[in-house]
Amino acid sequence: MSWRGVSLVSAWQFTASLCFYTVFAATAFVREGFGVSLGVTGLTVTAVMLGYTAQRCTWRRRGGRRSR
């Protein structure tokens, strides 16, 4: 893999991690701002985590290629 490939993978991983952890940082603000319960917030975070994990597993099984 070239340095260009390494930098692309690093940038993608950084962006994905930033988006993923933003969900955790935003939970308190979402609860207060929208007045949702702790249970609904927990279910929402769980759904986001499962969706993120499923997307990554599917992407890896395809050999890193996106479907068209």
C-alpha atoms as a PDB file:
ATOM      1  CA  MET A   1       0.000   0.000   0.000  1.00  0.00           C
ATOM      2  CA  SER A   2       1.321   3.439  -0.893  1.00  0.00           C
ATOM      3  CA  TRP A   3       1.455   6.462   1.393  1.00  0.00           C
ATOM      4  CA  ARG A   4      -1.568   7.828  -0.440  1.00  0.00           C
ATOM      5  CA  GLY A   5      -3.533   4.714   0.490  1.00  0.00           C
ATOM      6  CA  VAL A   6      -2.385   4.930   4.091  1.00  0.00           C
ATOM      7  CA  SER A   7      -3.448   8.570   4.315  1.00  0.00           C
ATOM      8  CA  LEU A   8      -6.851   7.813   2.753  1.00  0.00           C
ATOM      9  CA  VAL A   9      -7.515   4.979   5.202  1.00  0.00           C
ATOM     10  CA  SER A  10      -6.356   7.135   8.120  1.00  0.00           C
ATOM     11  CA  ALA A  11      -8.596  10.018   7.067  1.00  0.00           C
ATOM     12  CA  TRP A  12     -11.581   7.692   6.658  1.00  0.00           C
ATOM     13  CA  GLN A  13     -10.989   6.110  10.075  1.00  0.00           C
ATOM     14  CA  PHE A  14     -10.629   9.503  11.748  1.00  0.00           C
ATOM     15  CA  THR A  15     -13.860  10.763  10.174  1.00  0.00           C
ATOM     16  CA  ALA A  16     -15.787   7.599  11.042  1.00  0.00           C
ATOM     17  CA  SER A  17     -14.573   7.684  14.639  1.00  0.00           C
ATOM     18  CA  LEU A  18     -15.426  11.360  14.986  1.00  0.00           C
ATOM     19  CA  CYS A  19     -18.979  10.750  13.771  1.00  0.00           C
ATOM     20  CA  PHE A  20     -19.369   7.645  15.924  1.00  0.00           C
ATOM     21  CA  TYR A  21     -18.224   9.275  19.172  1.00  0.00           C
ATOM     22  CA  THR A  22     -20.241  12.430  18.495  1.00  0.00           C
ATOM     23  CA  VAL A  23     -23.336  10.319  19.163  1.00  0.00           C
ATOM     24  CA  PHE A  24     -22.172   9.691  22.728  1.00  0.00           C
ATOM     25  CA  ALA A  25     -21.259  13.331  23.327  1.00  0.00           C
ATOM     26  CA  ALA A  26     -24.636  14.535  22.066  1.00  0.00           C
ATOM     27  CA  THR A  27     -26.867  12.274  24.164  1.00  0.00           C
ATOM     28  CA  ALA A  28     -27.183  14.647  27.131  1.00  0.00           C
ATOM     29  CA  PHE A  29     -28.021  17.592  24.873  1.00  0.00           C
ATOM     30  CA  VAL A  30     -30.585  15.553  22.932  1.00  0.00           C
ATOM     31  CA  ARG A  31     -32.269  14.395  26.145  1.00  0.00           C
ATOM     32  CA  GLU A  32     -32.555  17.932  27.480  1.00  0.00           C
ATOM     33  CA  GLY A  33     -33.384  19.620  24.183  1.00  0.00           C
ATOM     34  CA  PHE A  34     -36.097  17.217  23.053  1.00  0.00           C
ATOM     35  CA  GLY A  35     -37.280  16.058  26.458  1.00  0.00           C
ATOM     36  CA  VAL A  36     -36.868  12.353  25.724  1.00  0.00           C
ATOM     37  CA  SER A  37     -36.467   9.736  28.423  1.00  0.00           C
ATOM     38  CA  LEU A  38     -33.280   7.945  29.336  1.00  0.00           C
ATOM     39  CA  GLY A  39     -34.717   4.703  27.916  1.00  0.00           C
ATOM     40  CA  VAL A  40     -35.472   6.205  24.509  1.00  0.00           C
ATOM     41  CA  THR A  41     -32.032   7.769  24.413  1.00  0.00           C
ATOM     42  CA  GLY A  42     -30.450   4.406  25.230  1.00  0.00           C
ATOM     43  CA  LEU A  43     -32.426   2.641  22.526  1.00  0.00           C
ATOM     44  CA  THR A  44     -31.439   5.294  20.002  1.00  0.00           C
ATOM     45  CA  VAL A  45     -27.726   5.033  20.843  1.00  0.00           C
ATOM     46  CA  THR A  46     -27.965   1.231  20.667  1.00  0.00           C
ATOM     47  CA  ALA A  47     -29.638   1.401  17.242  1.00  0.00           C
ATOM     48  CA  VAL A  48     -26.951   3.777  15.950  1.00  0.00           C
ATOM     49  CA  MET A  49     -24.169   1.535  17.274  1.00  0.00           C
ATOM     50  CA  LEU A  50     -25.702  -1.595  15.745  1.00  0.00           C
ATOM     51  CA  GLY A  51     -26.218   0.157  12.414  1.00  0.00           C
ATOM     52  CA  TYR A  52     -22.632   1.406  12.402  1.00  0.00           C
ATOM     53  CA  THR A  53     -21.286  -2.049  13.259  1.00  0.00           C
ATOM     54  CA  ALA A  54     -23.461  -3.806  10.664  1.00  0.00           C
ATOM     55  CA  GLN A  55     -22.379  -1.348   7.983  1.00  0.00           C
ATOM     56  CA  ARG A  56     -18.695  -1.903   8.761  1.00  0.00           C
ATOM     57  CA  CYS A  57     -19.061  -5.700   8.795  1.00  0.00           C
ATOM     58  CA  THR A  58     -20.912  -5.674   5.474  1.00  0.00           C
ATOM     59  CA  TRP A  59     -18.294  -3.401   3.945  1.00  0.00           C
ATOM     60  CA  ARG A  60     -15.458  -5.694   5.072  1.00  0.00           C
ATOM     61  CA  ARG A  61     -17.178  -8.841   3.764  1.00  0.00           C
ATOM     62  CA  ARG A  62     -17.324  -7.254   0.319  1.00  0.00           C
ATOM     63  CA  GLY A  63     -13.578  -6.794   0.391  1.00  0.00           C
ATOM     64  CA  GLY A  64     -13.803  -3.062   1.049  1.00  0.00           C
ATOM     65  CA  ARG A  65     -15.860  -2.393  -2.079  1.00  0.00           C
ATOM     66  CA  ARG A  66     -19.125  -0.521  -2.075  1.00  0.00           C
ATOM     67  CA  SER A  67     -22.124  -2.031  -3.813  1.00  0.00           C
ATOM     68  CA  ARG A  68     -23.448  -0.207  -6.855  1.00  0.00           C
END
